[in-house]
Amino acid sequence: MGNSHPTSKIGIRDLLRLYRLPNTSISSMKILITGNRGFVGAETQKFLEANGHEVIGYDLMDHKDIRDGTQFEQTVVTLMPDRILHLAAVARFTEADKDPKLCYETNVLGTRNVAVVAGKYHIPLAYASTGSVYMPIKQEPPITEEFGVCGNSVYACSKYIGEEFVRSLAHPWMCLRYAHLYGREKRMHGLIGGYLTRLQRGLAPILYGGNQSNDFCYIKDIAVANYLAVTASWDKWNQNYNIGTGEELSAEVAGDKFIKAWNNAYPKEAYKGKVEKKEGRTVDPARFVYDVSKATRLLNFTAEYKFEEGLKDMLNEPSKSEKG
């Protein structure tokens, strides 16, 4: 791994975490990230580069489309990455429902294109999946990797089929099933993103349901998990991993904690009003919490940020627009 770290771009806590990570003997690698300009991709790229690895970006915003298998293969042949981290996706339930054809072309056929190329050139492929593949949950949580998978939404089904292509076409492969992600750049959707956007606009936050629980994982922990995945030794591949915290919170409690964190971070904009409550979504399970022991045992991954700590860090970190 490289010896230099761009300390001016990362906080002290992040810097300390860099030196606590395992795999410090890993040589610098060239890692292709699809969707590197997205929510997960941007944070992961920053972390990988801080650890001395070269990142090859492959994002639709740069006119690089995983739906074009020829274009993707040409990029891989030209640059020959050591690893591929596949993050590009239609990643919102509402967007998948609105345009299921685009979701299928991207999450299913696009993932097939990535898996075919990875397998053809024997490049290890780590695939970003989702806890939604476990829906509908028919066993009592905490959820292990042995729970049944299927999906009960357009988005979840597309990610599950993507997993199937990865497992059958890429060698070696790894599927990372993320819990509910939150962070400063995830706005407009999800519980935390929804609350953040509404409070920034001076509007009452909206709570759908409230009693249903979730496993909330901070984006910086996801970046670490991705790092540990792509740098893992060969005996850790060809596995599915739950990536989360193992901490279960109801939506109502999580929302209340966010409002408290917001008020502490922005006392002049403190929100004292009520939360607008609406009927819960049918795709949400009554309980969702991970058993993350497999990722801890094999990847040495343990989420650093408890929920309140993640919220504090998130609200203290400027957004892309605030950075200019």
C-alpha atoms as a PDB file:
ATOM      1  CA  MET A   1       0.000   0.000   0.000  1.00  0.00           C
ATOM      2  CA  GLY A   2       1.211   3.532  -0.670  1.00  0.00           C
ATOM      3  CA  ASN A   3       2.880   5.432   2.142  1.00  0.00           C
ATOM      4  CA  SER A   4       1.292   8.824   1.519  1.00  0.00           C
ATOM      5  CA  HIS A   5      -2.198   9.855   2.616  1.00  0.00           C
ATOM      6  CA  PRO A   6      -3.974  13.066   1.553  1.00  0.00           C
ATOM      7  CA  THR A   7      -4.647  14.195   5.131  1.00  0.00           C
ATOM      8  CA  SER A   8      -6.049  17.516   4.005  1.00  0.00           C
ATOM      9  CA  LYS A   9      -9.072  15.766   2.507  1.00  0.00           C
ATOM     10  CA  ILE A  10     -10.022  13.519   5.425  1.00  0.00           C
ATOM     11  CA  GLY A  11     -10.794  14.074   9.085  1.00  0.00           C
ATOM     12  CA  ILE A  12      -8.714  12.968  12.046  1.00  0.00           C
ATOM     13  CA  ARG A  13     -11.109  10.140  12.849  1.00  0.00           C
ATOM     14  CA  ASP A  14     -10.872   8.855   9.299  1.00  0.00           C
ATOM     15  CA  LEU A  15      -7.103   9.137   9.369  1.00  0.00           C
ATOM     16  CA  LEU A  16      -6.884   7.111  12.564  1.00  0.00           C
ATOM     17  CA  ARG A  17      -9.125   4.493  11.032  1.00  0.00           C
ATOM     18  CA  LEU A  18      -6.820   4.151   8.044  1.00  0.00           C
ATOM     19  CA  TYR A  19      -4.034   2.989  10.310  1.00  0.00           C
ATOM     20  CA  ARG A  20      -6.274   0.559  12.178  1.00  0.00           C
ATOM     21  CA  LEU A  21      -7.327  -1.275   9.036  1.00  0.00           C
ATOM     22  CA  PRO A  22      -6.074  -4.783   8.282  1.00  0.00           C
ATOM     23  CA  ASN A  23      -4.437  -5.723   4.970  1.00  0.00           C
ATOM     24  CA  THR A  24      -1.819  -2.997   5.337  1.00  0.00           C
ATOM     25  CA  SER A  25       0.607  -5.194   3.405  1.00  0.00           C
ATOM     26  CA  ILE A  26      -1.622  -5.176   0.312  1.00  0.00           C
ATOM     27  CA  SER A  27       0.169  -3.753  -2.704  1.00  0.00           C
ATOM     28  CA  SER A  28      -1.341  -0.805  -4.491  1.00  0.00           C
ATOM     29  CA  MET A  29      -4.038  -1.982  -6.885  1.00  0.00           C
ATOM     30  CA  LYS A  30      -5.950  -0.592  -9.831  1.00  0.00           C
ATOM     31  CA  ILE A  31      -9.660  -0.822  -9.003  1.00  0.00           C
ATOM     32  CA  LEU A  32     -12.429  -0.093 -11.484  1.00  0.00           C
ATOM     33  CA  ILE A  33     -15.553   1.270  -9.808  1.00  0.00           C
ATOM     34  CA  THR A  34     -18.784   1.423 -11.758  1.00  0.00           C
ATOM     35  CA  GLY A  35     -20.938   4.264 -10.465  1.00  0.00           C
ATOM     36  CA  ASN A  36     -17.952   5.980  -8.882  1.00  0.00           C
ATOM     37  CA  ARG A  37     -19.656   9.377  -8.919  1.00  0.00           C
ATOM     38  CA  GLY A  38     -22.676   8.196  -6.964  1.00  0.00           C
ATOM     39  CA  PHE A  39     -23.401   8.263  -3.246  1.00  0.00           C
ATOM     40  CA  VAL A  40     -21.481   5.090  -2.360  1.00  0.00           C
ATOM     41  CA  GLY A  41     -18.961   5.360  -5.183  1.00  0.00           C
ATOM     42  CA  ALA A  42     -17.638   8.819  -4.340  1.00  0.00           C
ATOM     43  CA  GLU A  43     -17.029   7.956  -0.676  1.00  0.00           C
ATOM     44  CA  THR A  44     -15.442   4.626  -1.588  1.00  0.00           C
ATOM     45  CA  GLN A  45     -13.169   6.191  -4.193  1.00  0.00           C
ATOM     46  CA  LYS A  46     -11.943   8.740  -1.659  1.00  0.00           C
ATOM     47  CA  PHE A  47     -11.183   6.007   0.855  1.00  0.00           C
ATOM     48  CA  LEU A  48      -9.410   3.718  -1.616  1.00  0.00           C
ATOM     49  CA  GLU A  49      -7.260   6.531  -2.940  1.00  0.00           C
ATOM     50  CA  ALA A  50      -6.394   7.582   0.613  1.00  0.00           C
ATOM     51  CA  ASN A  51      -5.116   4.033   1.096  1.00  0.00           C
ATOM     52  CA  GLY A  52      -2.848   4.214  -1.933  1.00  0.00           C
ATOM     53  CA  HIS A  53      -4.987   2.485  -4.567  1.00  0.00           C
ATOM     54  CA  GLU A  54      -5.703   3.780  -8.059  1.00  0.00           C
ATOM     55  CA  VAL A  55      -9.370   4.113  -8.964  1.00  0.00           C
ATOM     56  CA  ILE A  56     -10.678   3.863 -12.513  1.00  0.00           C
ATOM     57  CA  GLY A  57     -14.036   5.596 -12.663  1.00  0.00           C
ATOM     58  CA  TYR A  58     -16.832   4.229 -14.842  1.00  0.00           C
ATOM     59  CA  ASP A  59     -19.955   6.332 -14.450  1.00  0.00           C
ATOM     60  CA  LEU A  60     -22.946   7.262 -16.569  1.00  0.00           C
ATOM     61  CA  MET A  61     -22.273  10.927 -15.785  1.00  0.00           C
ATOM     62  CA  ASP A  62     -19.063  10.512 -17.789  1.00  0.00           C
ATOM     63  CA  HIS A  63     -20.935   8.771 -20.636  1.00  0.00           C
ATOM     64  CA  LYS A  64     -19.771   5.333 -19.531  1.00  0.00           C
ATOM     65  CA  ASP A  65     -22.747   3.004 -19.516  1.00  0.00           C
ATOM     66  CA  ILE A  66     -22.754  -0.559 -18.178  1.00  0.00           C
ATOM     67  CA  ARG A  67     -25.665  -1.301 -20.501  1.00  0.00           C
ATOM     68  CA  ASP A  68     -23.145  -1.099 -23.354  1.00  0.00           C
ATOM     69  CA  GLY A  69     -21.213  -4.329 -22.947  1.00  0.00           C
ATOM     70  CA  THR A  70     -18.786  -3.548 -25.757  1.00  0.00           C
ATOM     71  CA  GLN A  71     -17.845  -0.188 -24.263  1.00  0.00           C
ATOM     72  CA  PHE A  72     -17.285  -1.763 -20.858  1.00  0.00           C
ATOM     73  CA  GLU A  73     -15.156  -4.569 -22.239  1.00  0.00           C
ATOM     74  CA  GLN A  74     -13.005  -2.157 -24.220  1.00  0.00           C
ATOM     75  CA  THR A  75     -12.365  -0.128 -21.080  1.00  0.00           C
ATOM     76  CA  VAL A  76     -11.382  -3.232 -19.124  1.00  0.00           C
ATOM     77  CA  VAL A  77      -9.115  -4.555 -21.875  1.00  0.00           C
ATOM     78  CA  THR A  78      -7.401  -1.189 -22.241  1.00  0.00           C
ATOM     79  CA  LEU A  79      -6.854  -0.523 -18.519  1.00  0.00           C
ATOM     80  CA  MET A  80      -6.858  -4.076 -17.070  1.00  0.00           C
ATOM     81  CA  PRO A  81      -7.893  -3.373 -13.469  1.00  0.00           C
ATOM     82  CA  ASP A  82      -6.933  -5.720 -10.645  1.00  0.00           C
ATOM     83  CA  ARG A  83     -10.444  -5.629  -9.188  1.00  0.00           C
ATOM     84  CA  ILE A  84     -13.915  -4.467 -10.220  1.00  0.00           C
ATOM     85  CA  LEU A  85     -16.308  -2.972  -7.678  1.00  0.00           C
ATOM     86  CA  HIS A  86     -19.741  -2.819  -9.274  1.00  0.00           C
ATOM     87  CA  LEU A  87     -21.888  -0.075  -7.727  1.00  0.00           C
ATOM     88  CA  ALA A  88     -23.732   1.384 -10.747  1.00  0.00           C
ATOM     89  CA  ALA A  89     -27.479   0.848 -10.479  1.00  0.00           C
ATOM     90  CA  VAL A  90     -30.953   2.293 -10.506  1.00  0.00           C
ATOM     91  CA  ALA A  91     -30.864   2.448  -6.723  1.00  0.00           C
ATOM     92  CA  ARG A  92     -34.185   3.908  -5.618  1.00  0.00           C
ATOM     93  CA  PHE A  93     -37.459   2.039  -5.174  1.00  0.00           C
ATOM     94  CA  THR A  94     -39.461   4.911  -6.674  1.00  0.00           C
ATOM     95  CA  GLU A  95     -37.223   5.201  -9.746  1.00  0.00           C
ATOM     96  CA  ALA A  96     -37.378   1.452 -10.316  1.00  0.00           C
ATOM     97  CA  ASP A  97     -41.178   1.503 -10.023  1.00  0.00           C
ATOM     98  CA  LYS A  98     -41.444   4.490 -12.334  1.00  0.00           C
ATOM     99  CA  ASP A  99     -39.268   2.967 -15.053  1.00  0.00           C
ATOM    100  CA  PRO A 100     -38.976  -0.809 -14.578  1.00  0.00           C
ATOM    101  CA  LYS A 101     -37.536  -1.204 -18.077  1.00  0.00           C
ATOM    102  CA  LEU A 102     -34.581   1.066 -17.259  1.00  0.00           C
ATOM    103  CA  CYS A 103     -34.169  -0.734 -13.947  1.00  0.00           C
ATOM    104  CA  TYR A 104     -34.056  -4.099 -15.724  1.00  0.00           C
ATOM    105  CA  GLU A 105     -31.638  -2.878 -18.381  1.00  0.00           C
ATOM    106  CA  THR A 106     -29.294  -1.377 -15.783  1.00  0.00           C
ATOM    107  CA  ASN A 107     -29.509  -3.627 -12.743  1.00  0.00           C
ATOM    108  CA  VAL A 108     -29.964  -6.910 -14.574  1.00  0.00           C
ATOM    109  CA  LEU A 109     -28.530  -6.666 -18.093  1.00  0.00           C
ATOM    110  CA  GLY A 110     -25.895  -4.112 -17.102  1.00  0.00           C
ATOM    111  CA  THR A 111     -24.774  -6.298 -14.227  1.00  0.00           C
ATOM    112  CA  ARG A 112     -24.670  -9.275 -16.567  1.00  0.00           C
ATOM    113  CA  ASN A 113     -22.357  -7.293 -18.868  1.00  0.00           C
ATOM    114  CA  VAL A 114     -20.033  -6.508 -15.959  1.00  0.00           C
ATOM    115  CA  ALA A 115     -20.035 -10.110 -14.741  1.00  0.00           C
ATOM    116  CA  VAL A 116     -19.338 -11.513 -18.215  1.00  0.00           C
ATOM    117  CA  VAL A 117     -16.315  -9.269 -18.690  1.00  0.00           C
ATOM    118  CA  ALA A 118     -15.029  -9.921 -15.177  1.00  0.00           C
ATOM    119  CA  GLY A 119     -15.293 -13.662 -15.746  1.00  0.00           C
ATOM    120  CA  LYS A 120     -13.769 -13.542 -19.220  1.00  0.00           C
ATOM    121  CA  TYR A 121     -10.649 -11.738 -18.011  1.00  0.00           C
ATOM    122  CA  HIS A 122     -10.506 -13.413 -14.582  1.00  0.00           C
ATOM    123  CA  ILE A 123     -10.892 -10.157 -12.640  1.00  0.00           C
ATOM    124  CA  PRO A 124     -12.360 -10.491  -9.115  1.00  0.00           C
ATOM    125  CA  LEU A 125     -15.764  -8.802  -8.973  1.00  0.00           C
ATOM    126  CA  ALA A 126     -17.340  -7.339  -5.822  1.00  0.00           C
ATOM    127  CA  TYR A 127     -21.017  -6.533  -6.346  1.00  0.00           C
ATOM    128  CA  ALA A 128     -23.038  -4.037  -4.302  1.00  0.00           C
ATOM    129  CA  SER A 129     -26.341  -5.709  -3.506  1.00  0.00           C
ATOM    130  CA  THR A 130     -29.007  -4.836  -0.948  1.00  0.00           C
ATOM    131  CA  GLY A 131     -30.788  -6.194   2.088  1.00  0.00           C
ATOM    132  CA  SER A 132     -33.987  -5.815   0.077  1.00  0.00           C
ATOM    133  CA  VAL A 133     -33.242  -9.173  -1.572  1.00  0.00           C
ATOM    134  CA  TYR A 134     -34.334 -10.800   1.705  1.00  0.00           C
ATOM    135  CA  MET A 135     -37.859  -9.447   1.297  1.00  0.00           C
ATOM    136  CA  PRO A 136     -40.339 -10.709   2.190  1.00  0.00           C
ATOM    137  CA  ILE A 137     -38.630 -11.861   5.386  1.00  0.00           C
ATOM    138  CA  LYS A 138     -40.112 -15.194   6.432  1.00  0.00           C
ATOM    139  CA  GLN A 139     -37.820 -15.946   9.367  1.00  0.00           C
ATOM    140  CA  GLU A 140     -37.224 -14.124  12.633  1.00  0.00           C
ATOM    141  CA  PRO A 141     -34.365 -11.592  12.489  1.00  0.00           C
ATOM    142  CA  PRO A 142     -31.488 -10.974  12.955  1.00  0.00           C
ATOM    143  CA  ILE A 143     -30.969 -11.776   9.281  1.00  0.00           C
ATOM    144  CA  THR A 144     -28.114 -14.078   8.343  1.00  0.00           C
ATOM    145  CA  GLU A 145     -26.789 -14.798   4.866  1.00  0.00           C
ATOM    146  CA  GLU A 146     -28.662 -18.113   5.019  1.00  0.00           C
ATOM    147  CA  PHE A 147     -32.082 -16.441   4.965  1.00  0.00           C
ATOM    148  CA  GLY A 148     -34.107 -16.962   1.805  1.00  0.00           C
ATOM    149  CA  VAL A 149     -33.758 -14.350  -0.942  1.00  0.00           C
ATOM    150  CA  CYS A 150     -36.288 -13.261  -3.536  1.00  0.00           C
ATOM    151  CA  GLY A 151     -37.307  -9.603  -3.375  1.00  0.00           C
ATOM    152  CA  ASN A 152     -40.760  -8.030  -3.156  1.00  0.00           C
ATOM    153  CA  SER A 153     -40.227  -4.928  -5.294  1.00  0.00           C
ATOM    154  CA  VAL A 154     -38.987  -4.071  -8.768  1.00  0.00           C
ATOM    155  CA  TYR A 155     -35.717  -2.831  -7.308  1.00  0.00           C
ATOM    156  CA  ALA A 156     -35.108  -5.789  -4.991  1.00  0.00           C
ATOM    157  CA  CYS A 157     -35.893  -8.364  -7.654  1.00  0.00           C
ATOM    158  CA  SER A 158     -33.520  -6.673 -10.099  1.00  0.00           C
ATOM    159  CA  LYS A 159     -30.697  -6.773  -7.544  1.00  0.00           C
ATOM    160  CA  TYR A 160     -31.357 -10.417  -6.725  1.00  0.00           C
ATOM    161  CA  ILE A 161     -31.183 -11.390 -10.411  1.00  0.00           C
ATOM    162  CA  GLY A 162     -27.995  -9.331 -10.634  1.00  0.00           C
ATOM    163  CA  GLU A 163     -26.563 -11.450  -7.823  1.00  0.00           C
ATOM    164  CA  GLU A 164     -27.408 -14.590  -9.751  1.00  0.00           C
ATOM    165  CA  PHE A 165     -25.511 -13.360 -12.811  1.00  0.00           C
ATOM    166  CA  VAL A 166     -22.517 -12.398 -10.669  1.00  0.00           C
ATOM    167  CA  ARG A 167     -22.391 -15.799  -8.983  1.00  0.00           C
ATOM    168  CA  SER A 168     -22.720 -17.714 -12.230  1.00  0.00           C
ATOM    169  CA  LEU A 169     -20.500 -15.652 -14.546  1.00  0.00           C
ATOM    170  CA  ALA A 170     -17.752 -13.987 -12.481  1.00  0.00           C
ATOM    171  CA  HIS A 171     -14.837 -15.870 -10.926  1.00  0.00           C
ATOM    172  CA  PRO A 172     -14.150 -15.020  -8.165  1.00  0.00           C
ATOM    173  CA  TRP A 173     -17.102 -12.984  -6.978  1.00  0.00           C
ATOM    174  CA  MET A 174     -18.427 -11.359  -3.810  1.00  0.00           C
ATOM    175  CA  CYS A 175     -21.905  -9.992  -3.056  1.00  0.00           C
ATOM    176  CA  LEU A 176     -22.185  -7.242  -0.436  1.00  0.00           C
ATOM    177  CA  ARG A 177     -25.747  -6.858   0.834  1.00  0.00           C
ATOM    178  CA  TYR A 178     -25.907  -3.354   2.261  1.00  0.00           C
ATOM    179  CA  ALA A 179     -28.290  -2.455   5.067  1.00  0.00           C
ATOM    180  CA  HIS A 180     -30.148   0.895   5.020  1.00  0.00           C
ATOM    181  CA  LEU A 181     -27.538   3.495   4.076  1.00  0.00           C
ATOM    182  CA  TYR A 182     -27.462   7.115   5.176  1.00  0.00           C
ATOM    183  CA  GLY A 183     -25.116  10.038   4.693  1.00  0.00           C
ATOM    184  CA  ARG A 184     -24.983  13.694   3.747  1.00  0.00           C
ATOM    185  CA  GLU A 185     -25.217  13.092  -0.005  1.00  0.00           C
ATOM    186  CA  LYS A 186     -28.204  10.737   0.176  1.00  0.00           C
ATOM    187  CA  ARG A 187     -30.939  13.304  -0.024  1.00  0.00           C
ATOM    188  CA  MET A 188     -34.629  13.213  -0.956  1.00  0.00           C
ATOM    189  CA  HIS A 189     -35.139   9.518  -0.232  1.00  0.00           C
ATOM    190  CA  GLY A 190     -34.836   7.055   2.605  1.00  0.00           C
ATOM    191  CA  LEU A 191     -35.828   7.945   6.156  1.00  0.00           C
ATOM    192  CA  ILE A 192     -32.755  10.034   6.974  1.00  0.00           C
ATOM    193  CA  GLY A 193     -32.431  11.583   3.515  1.00  0.00           C
ATOM    194  CA  GLY A 194     -36.109  12.483   3.569  1.00  0.00           C
ATOM    195  CA  TYR A 195     -35.902  14.099   6.994  1.00  0.00           C
ATOM    196  CA  LEU A 196     -32.738  15.975   6.008  1.00  0.00           C
ATOM    197  CA  THR A 197     -34.266  17.451   2.863  1.00  0.00           C
ATOM    198  CA  ARG A 198     -37.476  18.501   4.612  1.00  0.00           C
ATOM    199  CA  LEU A 199     -35.692  20.164   7.528  1.00  0.00           C
ATOM    200  CA  GLN A 200     -33.304  21.979   5.194  1.00  0.00           C
ATOM    201  CA  ARG A 201     -36.379  23.482   3.566  1.00  0.00           C
ATOM    202  CA  GLY A 202     -38.070  24.336   6.862  1.00  0.00           C
ATOM    203  CA  LEU A 203     -40.769  21.716   6.329  1.00  0.00           C
ATOM    204  CA  ALA A 204     -42.201  19.117   8.670  1.00  0.00           C
ATOM    205  CA  PRO A 205     -40.490  15.719   8.270  1.00  0.00           C
ATOM    206  CA  ILE A 206     -42.685  12.908   6.982  1.00  0.00           C
ATOM    207  CA  LEU A 207     -42.703   9.508   8.694  1.00  0.00           C
ATOM    208  CA  TYR A 208     -44.113   6.523   6.814  1.00  0.00           C
ATOM    209  CA  GLY A 209     -45.274   3.976   9.346  1.00  0.00           C
ATOM    210  CA  GLY A 210     -43.007   4.224  12.361  1.00  0.00           C
ATOM    211  CA  ASN A 211     -42.983   0.910  14.185  1.00  0.00           C
ATOM    212  CA  GLN A 212     -41.017  -0.914  11.494  1.00  0.00           C
ATOM    213  CA  SER A 213     -37.338  -1.285  12.315  1.00  0.00           C
ATOM    214  CA  ASN A 214     -34.161  -1.052  10.271  1.00  0.00           C
ATOM    215  CA  ASP A 215     -30.398  -1.439  10.424  1.00  0.00           C
ATOM    216  CA  PHE A 216     -28.928   1.984   9.599  1.00  0.00           C
ATOM    217  CA  CYS A 217     -25.356   1.978   8.287  1.00  0.00           C
ATOM    218  CA  TYR A 218     -23.314   5.142   7.766  1.00  0.00           C
ATOM    219  CA  ILE A 219     -21.714   5.740   4.371  1.00  0.00           C
ATOM    220  CA  LYS A 220     -18.174   5.928   5.775  1.00  0.00           C
ATOM    221  CA  ASP A 221     -18.558   2.423   7.196  1.00  0.00           C
ATOM    222  CA  ILE A 222     -19.756   1.229   3.781  1.00  0.00           C
ATOM    223  CA  ALA A 223     -16.607   2.659   2.197  1.00  0.00           C
ATOM    224  CA  VAL A 224     -14.503   0.671   4.672  1.00  0.00           C
ATOM    225  CA  ALA A 225     -16.487  -2.489   3.917  1.00  0.00           C
ATOM    226  CA  ASN A 226     -15.888  -2.007   0.190  1.00  0.00           C
ATOM    227  CA  TYR A 227     -12.176  -1.532   0.842  1.00  0.00           C
ATOM    228  CA  LEU A 228     -12.004  -4.702   2.915  1.00  0.00           C
ATOM    229  CA  ALA A 229     -13.889  -6.597   0.217  1.00  0.00           C
ATOM    230  CA  VAL A 230     -11.703  -5.702  -2.747  1.00  0.00           C
ATOM    231  CA  THR A 231      -8.487  -6.231  -0.753  1.00  0.00           C
ATOM    232  CA  ALA A 232      -9.630  -9.520   0.807  1.00  0.00           C
ATOM    233  CA  SER A 233      -7.537 -12.667   0.449  1.00  0.00           C
ATOM    234  CA  TRP A 234      -8.694 -15.292  -2.038  1.00  0.00           C
ATOM    235  CA  ASP A 235     -10.262 -17.570   0.584  1.00  0.00           C
ATOM    236  CA  LYS A 236     -12.766 -14.816   1.460  1.00  0.00           C
ATOM    237  CA  TRP A 237     -14.245 -14.627  -2.054  1.00  0.00           C
ATOM    238  CA  ASN A 238     -17.233 -16.474  -3.571  1.00  0.00           C
ATOM    239  CA  GLN A 239     -19.330 -15.440  -0.578  1.00  0.00           C
ATOM    240  CA  ASN A 240     -22.369 -13.306   0.252  1.00  0.00           C
ATOM    241  CA  TYR A 241     -21.921 -10.808   3.090  1.00  0.00           C
ATOM    242  CA  ASN A 242     -24.358  -8.756   5.152  1.00  0.00           C
ATOM    243  CA  ILE A 243     -22.937  -5.251   5.565  1.00  0.00           C
ATOM    244  CA  GLY A 244     -24.567  -3.315   8.383  1.00  0.00           C
ATOM    245  CA  THR A 245     -24.320  -2.527  12.084  1.00  0.00           C
ATOM    246  CA  GLY A 246     -26.421  -5.150  13.831  1.00  0.00           C
ATOM    247  CA  GLU A 247     -28.144  -2.244  15.620  1.00  0.00           C
ATOM    248  CA  GLU A 248     -31.950  -2.258  15.330  1.00  0.00           C
ATOM    249  CA  LEU A 249     -33.951   0.978  15.509  1.00  0.00           C
ATOM    250  CA  SER A 250     -37.585   1.677  14.752  1.00  0.00           C
ATOM    251  CA  ALA A 251     -38.245   4.279  12.078  1.00  0.00           C
ATOM    252  CA  GLU A 252     -39.911   6.561  14.618  1.00  0.00           C
ATOM    253  CA  VAL A 253     -36.987   6.388  17.054  1.00  0.00           C
ATOM    254  CA  ALA A 254     -34.469   6.899  14.245  1.00  0.00           C
ATOM    255  CA  GLY A 255     -36.411   9.923  13.021  1.00  0.00           C
ATOM    256  CA  ASP A 256     -36.545  11.426  16.503  1.00  0.00           C
ATOM    257  CA  LYS A 257     -32.797  10.903  16.906  1.00  0.00           C
ATOM    258  CA  PHE A 258     -32.200  12.661  13.611  1.00  0.00           C
ATOM    259  CA  ILE A 259     -34.253  15.696  14.658  1.00  0.00           C
ATOM    260  CA  LYS A 260     -32.289  15.863  17.922  1.00  0.00           C
ATOM    261  CA  ALA A 261     -28.985  15.656  16.024  1.00  0.00           C
ATOM    262  CA  TRP A 262     -30.192  18.343  13.596  1.00  0.00           C
ATOM    263  CA  ASN A 263     -31.179  20.670  16.438  1.00  0.00           C
ATOM    264  CA  ASN A 264     -27.790  20.178  18.110  1.00  0.00           C
ATOM    265  CA  ALA A 265     -25.930  20.855  14.867  1.00  0.00           C
ATOM    266  CA  TYR A 266     -28.081  23.818  13.800  1.00  0.00           C
ATOM    267  CA  PRO A 267     -29.574  25.445  16.921  1.00  0.00           C
ATOM    268  CA  LYS A 268     -30.635  28.544  14.958  1.00  0.00           C
ATOM    269  CA  GLU A 269     -32.659  26.296  12.627  1.00  0.00           C
ATOM    270  CA  ALA A 270     -33.907  23.941  15.344  1.00  0.00           C
ATOM    271  CA  TYR A 271     -37.136  22.135  14.498  1.00  0.00           C
ATOM    272  CA  LYS A 272     -39.784  22.211  17.239  1.00  0.00           C
ATOM    273  CA  GLY A 273     -42.809  21.147  15.232  1.00  0.00           C
ATOM    274  CA  LYS A 274     -44.527  17.799  14.827  1.00  0.00           C
ATOM    275  CA  VAL A 275     -43.684  14.971  12.477  1.00  0.00           C
ATOM    276  CA  GLU A 276     -46.229  14.342   9.741  1.00  0.00           C
ATOM    277  CA  LYS A 277     -47.203  10.679   9.876  1.00  0.00           C
ATOM    278  CA  LYS A 278     -48.414   8.657   6.918  1.00  0.00           C
ATOM    279  CA  GLU A 279     -49.215   5.034   6.213  1.00  0.00           C
ATOM    280  CA  GLY A 280     -46.194   2.748   5.970  1.00  0.00           C
ATOM    281  CA  ARG A 281     -44.934   1.288   2.702  1.00  0.00           C
ATOM    282  CA  THR A 282     -46.040  -2.233   1.893  1.00  0.00           C
ATOM    283  CA  VAL A 283     -42.488  -3.268   0.917  1.00  0.00           C
ATOM    284  CA  ASP A 284     -41.082  -2.486   4.379  1.00  0.00           C
ATOM    285  CA  PRO A 285     -40.779  -5.447   6.782  1.00  0.00           C
ATOM    286  CA  ALA A 286     -41.872  -5.237  10.400  1.00  0.00           C
ATOM    287  CA  ARG A 287     -38.293  -5.895  11.505  1.00  0.00           C
ATOM    288  CA  PHE A 288     -34.960  -5.575   9.707  1.00  0.00           C
ATOM    289  CA  VAL A 289     -31.660  -6.047  11.480  1.00  0.00           C
ATOM    290  CA  TYR A 290     -28.546  -7.896  10.377  1.00  0.00           C
ATOM    291  CA  ASP A 291     -26.407 -10.561  11.881  1.00  0.00           C
ATOM    292  CA  VAL A 292     -23.046  -9.241  10.655  1.00  0.00           C
ATOM    293  CA  SER A 293     -20.881 -11.918  12.285  1.00  0.00           C
ATOM    294  CA  LYS A 294     -19.826 -13.425   8.950  1.00  0.00           C
ATOM    295  CA  ALA A 295     -18.471 -10.100   7.650  1.00  0.00           C
ATOM    296  CA  THR A 296     -16.753  -9.540  10.987  1.00  0.00           C
ATOM    297  CA  ARG A 297     -15.176 -12.991  10.995  1.00  0.00           C
ATOM    298  CA  LEU A 298     -14.083 -13.206   7.362  1.00  0.00           C
ATOM    299  CA  LEU A 299     -13.625  -9.586   6.245  1.00  0.00           C
ATOM    300  CA  ASN A 300     -12.769  -8.138   9.646  1.00  0.00           C
ATOM    301  CA  PHE A 301     -15.565  -5.598   9.149  1.00  0.00           C
ATOM    302  CA  THR A 302     -17.255  -3.961  12.108  1.00  0.00           C
ATOM    303  CA  ALA A 303     -19.189  -0.734  11.692  1.00  0.00           C
ATOM    304  CA  GLU A 304     -17.403   2.025  13.598  1.00  0.00           C
ATOM    305  CA  TYR A 305     -20.270   4.508  13.728  1.00  0.00           C
ATOM    306  CA  LYS A 306     -23.179   4.012  16.082  1.00  0.00           C
ATOM    307  CA  PHE A 307     -26.298   5.727  14.775  1.00  0.00           C
ATOM    308  CA  GLU A 308     -25.985   8.921  16.821  1.00  0.00           C
ATOM    309  CA  GLU A 309     -22.271   9.173  15.955  1.00  0.00           C
ATOM    310  CA  GLY A 310     -22.995   8.776  12.259  1.00  0.00           C
ATOM    311  CA  LEU A 311     -25.641  11.493  12.395  1.00  0.00           C
ATOM    312  CA  LYS A 312     -23.285  13.877  14.183  1.00  0.00           C
ATOM    313  CA  ASP A 313     -20.515  13.260  11.650  1.00  0.00           C
ATOM    314  CA  MET A 314     -22.958  13.546   8.753  1.00  0.00           C
ATOM    315  CA  LEU A 315     -24.361  16.886   9.881  1.00  0.00           C
ATOM    316  CA  ASN A 316     -20.904  18.293  10.577  1.00  0.00           C
ATOM    317  CA  GLU A 317     -19.657  17.363   7.121  1.00  0.00           C
ATOM    318  CA  PRO A 318     -20.320  19.870   4.318  1.00  0.00           C
ATOM    319  CA  SER A 319     -22.216  18.632   1.292  1.00  0.00           C
ATOM    320  CA  LYS A 320     -20.825  18.786  -2.233  1.00  0.00           C
ATOM    321  CA  SER A 321     -22.816  21.956  -2.907  1.00  0.00           C
ATOM    322  CA  GLU A 322     -21.493  23.565   0.288  1.00  0.00           C
ATOM    323  CA  LYS A 323     -17.921  22.691  -0.722  1.00  0.00           C
ATOM    324  CA  GLY A 324     -18.479  24.485  -4.015  1.00  0.00           C
END
